C-alpha atoms as a PDB file:
ATOM      1  CA  MET A   1     -68.583 -94.460 -90.342  1.00  0.00           C
ATOM      2  CA  SER A   2     -64.943 -93.636 -89.975  1.00  0.00           C
ATOM      3  CA  ASP A   3     -62.843 -94.133 -86.846  1.00  0.00           C
ATOM      4  CA  SER A   4     -62.212 -90.387 -86.532  1.00  0.00           C
ATOM      5  CA  ALA A   5     -64.793 -87.730 -85.741  1.00  0.00           C
ATOM      6  CA  PRO A   6     -67.879 -88.209 -87.911  1.00  0.00           C
ATOM      7  CA  ASP A   7     -68.399 -85.835 -90.799  1.00  0.00           C
ATOM      8  CA  ARG A   8     -71.689 -84.534 -92.203  1.00  0.00           C
ATOM      9  CA  HIS A   9     -72.184 -87.573 -94.422  1.00  0.00           C
ATOM     10  CA  ASP A  10     -71.557 -90.020 -91.540  1.00  0.00           C
ATOM     11  CA  LEU A  11     -74.068 -88.198 -89.335  1.00  0.00           C
ATOM     12  CA  LEU A  12     -76.653 -88.038 -92.123  1.00  0.00           C
ATOM     13  CA  PHE A  13     -76.282 -91.775 -92.802  1.00  0.00           C
ATOM     14  CA  ALA A  14     -76.647 -92.627 -89.100  1.00  0.00           C
ATOM     15  CA  ALA A  15     -79.701 -90.389 -88.760  1.00  0.00           C
ATOM     16  CA  GLU A  16     -81.341 -91.828 -91.906  1.00  0.00           C
ATOM     17  CA  MET A  17     -80.696 -95.385 -90.726  1.00  0.00           C
ATOM     18  CA  SER A  18     -82.034 -94.681 -87.233  1.00  0.00           C
ATOM     19  CA  ALA A  19     -85.130 -92.921 -88.581  1.00  0.00           C
ATOM     20  CA  ARG A  20     -85.800 -95.930 -90.804  1.00  0.00           C
ATOM     21  CA  TYR A  21     -85.349 -98.242 -87.797  1.00  0.00           C
ATOM     22  CA  HIS A  22     -87.734 -96.320 -85.518  1.00  0.00           C
ATOM     23  CA  ARG A  23     -90.321 -95.901 -88.300  1.00  0.00           C
ATOM     24  CA  ARG A  24     -90.400 -99.656 -88.857  1.00  0.00           C
ATOM     25  CA  ARG A  25     -90.392-100.439 -85.129  1.00  0.00           C
ATOM     26  CA  ALA A  26     -93.232 -98.006 -84.376  1.00  0.00           C
ATOM     27  CA  ALA A  27     -95.307 -99.408 -87.252  1.00  0.00           C
ATOM     28  CA  PHE A  28     -94.772-103.002 -86.095  1.00  0.00           C
ATOM     29  CA  LEU A  29     -95.650-102.205 -82.475  1.00  0.00           C
ATOM     30  CA  GLU A  30     -98.707-100.192 -83.466  1.00  0.00           C
ATOM     31  CA  THR A  31     -99.944-103.012 -85.710  1.00  0.00           C
ATOM     32  CA  THR A  32     -99.297-105.527 -82.934  1.00  0.00           C
ATOM     33  CA  ASN A  33    -101.216-103.420 -80.429  1.00  0.00           C
ATOM     34  CA  ASN A  34    -104.163-102.932 -82.804  1.00  0.00           C
ATOM     35  CA  SER A  35    -104.249-106.678 -83.527  1.00  0.00           C
ATOM     36  CA  LEU A  36    -104.229-107.518 -79.817  1.00  0.00           C
ATOM     37  CA  ASN A  37    -107.024-104.987 -79.195  1.00  0.00           C
ATOM     38  CA  PHE A  38    -109.091-106.541 -81.989  1.00  0.00           C
ATOM     39  CA  LEU A  39    -108.535-110.037 -80.601  1.00  0.00           C
ATOM     40  CA  THR A  40    -109.545-108.838 -77.146  1.00  0.00           C
ATOM     41  CA  LEU A  41    -112.771-107.307 -78.430  1.00  0.00           C
ATOM     42  CA  ALA A  42    -113.637-110.266 -80.651  1.00  0.00           C
ATOM     43  CA  GLY A  43    -112.741-112.792 -77.960  1.00  0.00           C
ATOM     44  CA  GLY A  44    -114.679-110.894 -75.312  1.00  0.00           C
ATOM     45  CA  ALA A  45    -117.774-110.765 -77.497  1.00  0.00           C
ATOM     46  CA  GLY A  46    -117.405-114.460 -78.289  1.00  0.00           C
ATOM     47  CA  ALA A  47    -116.990-115.365 -74.628  1.00  0.00           C
ATOM     48  CA  PHE A  48    -120.044-113.328 -73.661  1.00  0.00           C
ATOM     49  CA  VAL A  49    -122.203-114.932 -76.344  1.00  0.00           C
ATOM     50  CA  SER A  50    -121.030-118.452 -75.490  1.00  0.00           C
ATOM     51  CA  LEU A  51    -121.958-117.982 -71.815  1.00  0.00           C
ATOM     52  CA  TYR A  52    -125.612-118.081 -72.820  1.00  0.00           C
ATOM     53  CA  GLY A  53    -125.294-121.056 -75.122  1.00  0.00           C
ATOM     54  CA  ALA A  54    -124.376-124.683 -74.773  1.00  0.00           C
ATOM     55  CA  GLY A  55    -120.627-124.067 -75.232  1.00  0.00           C
ATOM     56  CA  THR A  56    -119.397-122.813 -71.865  1.00  0.00           C
ATOM     57  CA  GLY A  57    -116.099-124.607 -72.594  1.00  0.00           C
ATOM     58  CA  ILE A  58    -115.625-122.136 -75.447  1.00  0.00           C
ATOM     59  CA  ALA A  59    -116.215-119.272 -73.024  1.00  0.00           C
ATOM     60  CA  LYS A  60    -113.543-120.646 -70.708  1.00  0.00           C
ATOM     61  CA  ALA A  61    -111.062-121.050 -73.564  1.00  0.00           C
ATOM     62  CA  LEU A  62    -111.758-117.517 -74.807  1.00  0.00           C
ATOM     63  CA  ALA A  63    -111.354-116.149 -71.277  1.00  0.00           C
ATOM     64  CA  LEU A  64    -107.963-117.858 -71.046  1.00  0.00           C
ATOM     65  CA  VAL A  65    -106.911-116.414 -74.423  1.00  0.00           C
ATOM     66  CA  LEU A  66    -108.074-112.952 -73.325  1.00  0.00           C
ATOM     67  CA  ALA A  67    -106.074-113.254 -70.102  1.00  0.00           C
ATOM     68  CA  LEU A  68    -102.950-114.193 -72.098  1.00  0.00           C
ATOM     69  CA  ILE A  69    -103.466-111.267 -74.469  1.00  0.00           C
ATOM     70  CA  GLY A  70    -103.865-108.962 -71.475  1.00  0.00           C
ATOM     71  CA  ILE A  71    -100.616-110.254 -69.993  1.00  0.00           C
ATOM     72  CA  ILE A  72     -98.813-109.663 -73.291  1.00  0.00           C
ATOM     73  CA  GLN A  73    -100.172-106.118 -73.483  1.00  0.00           C
ATOM     74  CA  ILE A  74     -99.196-105.329 -69.903  1.00  0.00           C
ATOM     75  CA  VAL A  75     -95.740-106.905 -69.977  1.00  0.00           C
ATOM     76  CA  PHE A  76     -94.623-105.786 -73.450  1.00  0.00           C
ATOM     77  CA  SER A  77     -96.621-102.525 -73.651  1.00  0.00           C
ATOM     78  CA  PRO A  78     -96.716-102.338 -77.459  1.00  0.00           C
ATOM     79  CA  GLN A  79     -98.724 -99.100 -77.498  1.00  0.00           C
ATOM     80  CA  ALA A  80     -96.388 -97.269 -75.113  1.00  0.00           C
ATOM     81  CA  ASN A  81     -93.324 -98.580 -76.939  1.00  0.00           C
ATOM     82  CA  ALA A  82     -94.754 -97.516 -80.310  1.00  0.00           C
ATOM     83  CA  MET A  83     -95.141 -93.999 -78.915  1.00  0.00           C
ATOM     84  CA  LYS A  84     -91.517 -93.991 -77.736  1.00  0.00           C
ATOM     85  CA  HIS A  85     -90.322 -95.007 -81.187  1.00  0.00           C
ATOM     86  CA  LYS A  86     -92.468 -92.286 -82.761  1.00  0.00           C
ATOM     87  CA  GLN A  87     -90.843 -89.713 -80.479  1.00  0.00           C
ATOM     88  CA  TRP A  88     -87.362 -90.942 -81.414  1.00  0.00           C
ATOM     89  CA  LEU A  89     -88.405 -90.856 -85.074  1.00  0.00           C
ATOM     90  CA  ILE A  90     -89.371 -87.201 -84.683  1.00  0.00           C
ATOM     91  CA  GLN A  91     -85.993 -86.406 -83.113  1.00  0.00           C
ATOM     92  CA  TRP A  92     -84.095 -88.218 -85.890  1.00  0.00           C
ATOM     93  CA  SER A  93     -86.238 -86.565 -88.580  1.00  0.00           C
ATOM     94  CA  ASP A  94     -85.487 -83.132 -87.122  1.00  0.00           C
ATOM     95  CA  LEU A  95     -81.772 -83.934 -87.187  1.00  0.00           C
ATOM     96  CA  ILE A  96     -81.987 -85.220 -90.783  1.00  0.00           C
ATOM     97  CA  ARG A  97     -83.752 -82.045 -91.893  1.00  0.00           C
ATOM     98  CA  GLU A  98     -81.150 -79.865 -90.233  1.00  0.00           C
ATOM     99  CA  ILE A  99     -78.224 -81.797 -91.723  1.00  0.00           C
ATOM    100  CA  ALA A 100     -79.823 -81.849 -95.181  1.00  0.00           C
ATOM    101  CA  LEU A 101     -80.323 -78.083 -95.095  1.00  0.00           C
ATOM    102  CA  THR A 102     -76.672 -77.473 -94.152  1.00  0.00           C
ATOM    103  CA  PRO A 103     -74.352 -78.666 -96.955  1.00  0.00           C
ATOM    104  CA  SER A 104     -71.256 -77.007 -95.431  1.00  0.00           C
ATOM    105  CA  PRO A 105     -71.541 -77.232 -91.652  1.00  0.00           C
ATOM    106  CA  THR A 106     -69.218 -75.515 -89.254  1.00  0.00           C
ATOM    107  CA  PRO A 107     -67.247 -77.607 -86.739  1.00  0.00           C
ATOM    108  CA  GLN A 108     -69.644 -76.323 -84.049  1.00  0.00           C
ATOM    109  CA  GLN A 109     -72.660 -77.597 -86.030  1.00  0.00           C
ATOM    110  CA  LEU A 110     -71.002 -80.991 -86.487  1.00  0.00           C
ATOM    111  CA  ASP A 111     -70.311 -81.131 -82.769  1.00  0.00           C
ATOM    112  CA  ASP A 112     -73.931 -80.198 -81.983  1.00  0.00           C
ATOM    113  CA  TRP A 113     -75.278 -82.866 -84.356  1.00  0.00           C
ATOM    114  CA  LEU A 114     -72.989 -85.478 -82.817  1.00  0.00           C
ATOM    115  CA  ARG A 115     -74.114 -84.453 -79.320  1.00  0.00           C
ATOM    116  CA  ARG A 116     -77.772 -84.751 -80.368  1.00  0.00           C
ATOM    117  CA  ARG A 117     -77.135 -88.141 -81.986  1.00  0.00           C
ATOM    118  CA  VAL A 118     -75.522 -89.458 -78.810  1.00  0.00           C
ATOM    119  CA  ALA A 119     -78.380 -88.069 -76.702  1.00  0.00           C
ATOM    120  CA  ILE A 120     -81.016 -89.815 -78.840  1.00  0.00           C
ATOM    121  CA  GLU A 121     -79.066 -93.084 -78.942  1.00  0.00           C
ATOM    122  CA  THR A 122     -78.627 -92.984 -75.160  1.00  0.00           C
ATOM    123  CA  GLU A 123     -82.409 -92.948 -74.697  1.00  0.00           C
ATOM    124  CA  CYS A 124     -82.957 -96.046 -76.844  1.00  0.00           C
ATOM    125  CA  VAL A 125     -80.152 -98.399 -75.913  1.00  0.00           C
ATOM    126  CA  VAL A 126     -81.941-101.696 -76.639  1.00  0.00           C
ATOM    127  CA  GLU A 127     -82.096-102.274 -80.378  1.00  0.00           C
ATOM    128  CA  LEU A 128     -82.928-105.342 -82.398  1.00  0.00           C
ATOM    129  CA  ARG A 129     -79.683-106.105 -84.209  1.00  0.00           C
ATOM    130  CA  ALA A 130     -81.139-107.885 -87.253  1.00  0.00           C
ATOM    131  CA  LEU A 131     -83.631-105.070 -87.833  1.00  0.00           C
ATOM    132  CA  GLN A 132     -80.832-102.546 -87.379  1.00  0.00           C
ATOM    133  CA  ALA A 133     -78.673-104.414 -89.916  1.00  0.00           C
ATOM    134  CA  ASP A 134     -81.572-104.536 -92.387  1.00  0.00           C
ATOM    135  CA  CYS A 135     -82.083-100.783 -91.955  1.00  0.00           C
ATOM    136  CA  PHE A 136     -78.338-100.275 -92.545  1.00  0.00           C
ATOM    137  CA  ASN A 137     -78.565-102.260 -95.797  1.00  0.00           C
ATOM    138  CA  ARG A 138     -81.660-100.382 -96.968  1.00  0.00           C
ATOM    139  CA  THR A 139     -80.188 -96.997 -96.089  1.00  0.00           C
ATOM    140  CA  SER A 140     -77.013 -97.888 -98.017  1.00  0.00           C
ATOM    141  CA  ARG A 141     -79.097 -98.707-101.085  1.00  0.00           C
ATOM    142  CA  ALA A 142     -81.329 -95.645-100.684  1.00  0.00           C
ATOM    143  CA  MET A 143     -78.307 -93.337-100.425  1.00  0.00           C
ATOM    144  CA  GLY A 144     -76.522 -95.025-103.350  1.00  0.00           C
ATOM    145  CA  LEU A 145     -73.615 -96.349-101.298  1.00  0.00           C
ATOM    146  CA  GLU A 146     -72.743 -99.489-103.247  1.00  0.00           C
ATOM    147  CA  GLU A 147     -69.263 -99.563-101.683  1.00  0.00           C
ATOM    148  CA  THR A 148     -70.737 -99.973 -98.190  1.00  0.00           C
ATOM    149  CA  HIS A 149     -70.130-103.246 -96.364  1.00  0.00           C
ATOM    150  CA  ASN A 150     -73.695-104.497 -95.944  1.00  0.00           C
ATOM    151  CA  TYR A 151     -74.855-107.215 -93.586  1.00  0.00           C
ATOM    152  CA  GLU A 152     -75.910-110.670 -94.664  1.00  0.00           C
ATOM    153  CA  LEU A 153     -79.341-111.508 -93.305  1.00  0.00           C
ATOM    154  CA  ARG A 154     -80.902-114.923 -93.683  1.00  0.00           C
ATOM    155  CA  TRP A 155     -84.600-115.677 -94.087  1.00  0.00           C
ATOM    156  CA  TRP A 156     -85.076-116.426 -90.364  1.00  0.00           C
ATOM    157  CA  HIS A 157     -83.567-113.053 -89.459  1.00  0.00           C
ATOM    158  CA  ARG A 158     -86.173-111.355 -91.632  1.00  0.00           C
ATOM    159  CA  MET A 159     -89.019-113.471 -90.283  1.00  0.00           C
ATOM    160  CA  PHE A 160     -88.243-112.766 -86.628  1.00  0.00           C
ATOM    161  CA  MET A 161     -86.309-109.467 -86.747  1.00  0.00           C
ATOM    162  CA  GLN A 162     -89.087-107.581 -84.940  1.00  0.00           C
ATOM    163  CA  VAL A 163     -89.120-109.902 -81.919  1.00  0.00           C
ATOM    164  CA  ILE A 164     -85.636-111.460 -81.498  1.00  0.00           C
ATOM    165  CA  ARG A 165     -82.317-109.630 -81.094  1.00  0.00           C
ATOM    166  CA  PHE A 166     -80.056-112.032 -83.092  1.00  0.00           C
ATOM    167  CA  GLU A 167     -77.051-110.535 -81.329  1.00  0.00           C
ATOM    168  CA  HIS A 168     -74.265-112.154 -83.377  1.00  0.00           C
ATOM    169  CA  ALA A 169     -76.117-114.287 -85.918  1.00  0.00           C
ATOM    170  CA  PHE A 170     -75.098-112.372 -89.047  1.00  0.00           C
ATOM    171  CA  GLU A 171     -71.954-110.841 -90.462  1.00  0.00           C
ATOM    172  CA  ARG A 172     -70.898-107.993 -92.669  1.00  0.00           C
ATOM    173  CA  LEU A 173     -70.312-108.764 -96.295  1.00  0.00           C
ATOM    174  CA  PRO A 174     -67.217-107.425 -98.028  1.00  0.00           C
ATOM    175  CA  ALA A 175     -67.662-104.363-100.232  1.00  0.00           C
ATOM    176  CA  HIS A 176     -69.199-105.049-103.655  1.00  0.00           C
ATOM    177  CA  ALA A 177     -70.507-108.448-102.505  1.00  0.00           C
ATOM    178  CA  ASP A 178     -73.357-110.085-104.377  1.00  0.00           C
ATOM    179  CA  ALA A 179     -76.355-107.851-103.618  1.00  0.00           C
ATOM    180  CA  SER A 180     -78.778-110.770-103.968  1.00  0.00           C
ATOM    181  CA  ARG A 181     -77.401-112.327-100.755  1.00  0.00           C
ATOM    182  CA  SER A 182     -78.604-109.407 -98.631  1.00  0.00           C
ATOM    183  CA  ALA A 183     -81.732-108.530-100.576  1.00  0.00           C
END
């Protein structure tokens, strides 16, 4: 985006990138929550069955694993966080639709869109930087912005981008840089 007031294209890009981010985040958190629920059910059944057999050590180990899973679910709240990201996705999608349907916005519309963008961003201040950079790169490609300065992400950023912030571990590539480095 430019240093001056954002125009329609800047706001559309930011909304597309943020929608992509929250879609991916919600999907990851929902999958994580479903996996933890499955492990809880399977582990609980296994622990119950092993109580009546010779392997009570297995029951104790499964009970410990279930306790750890419960702690993870309580502390990190993947289901609640997935719902938050879905709500932000809805807000961004509404903004995208409105911007897309208005090819020649008035200054008042631009101001309203900027106000809404700031309001949404204020609600979700903690973002995973590597995931955000990957969404920036993908949005640039999807919108045909080859001149955009994309971010260079390494394999470990991609592997852990849903769980670690990577605050300053990557940098922007110059315009027209080798696309294979960020793919």
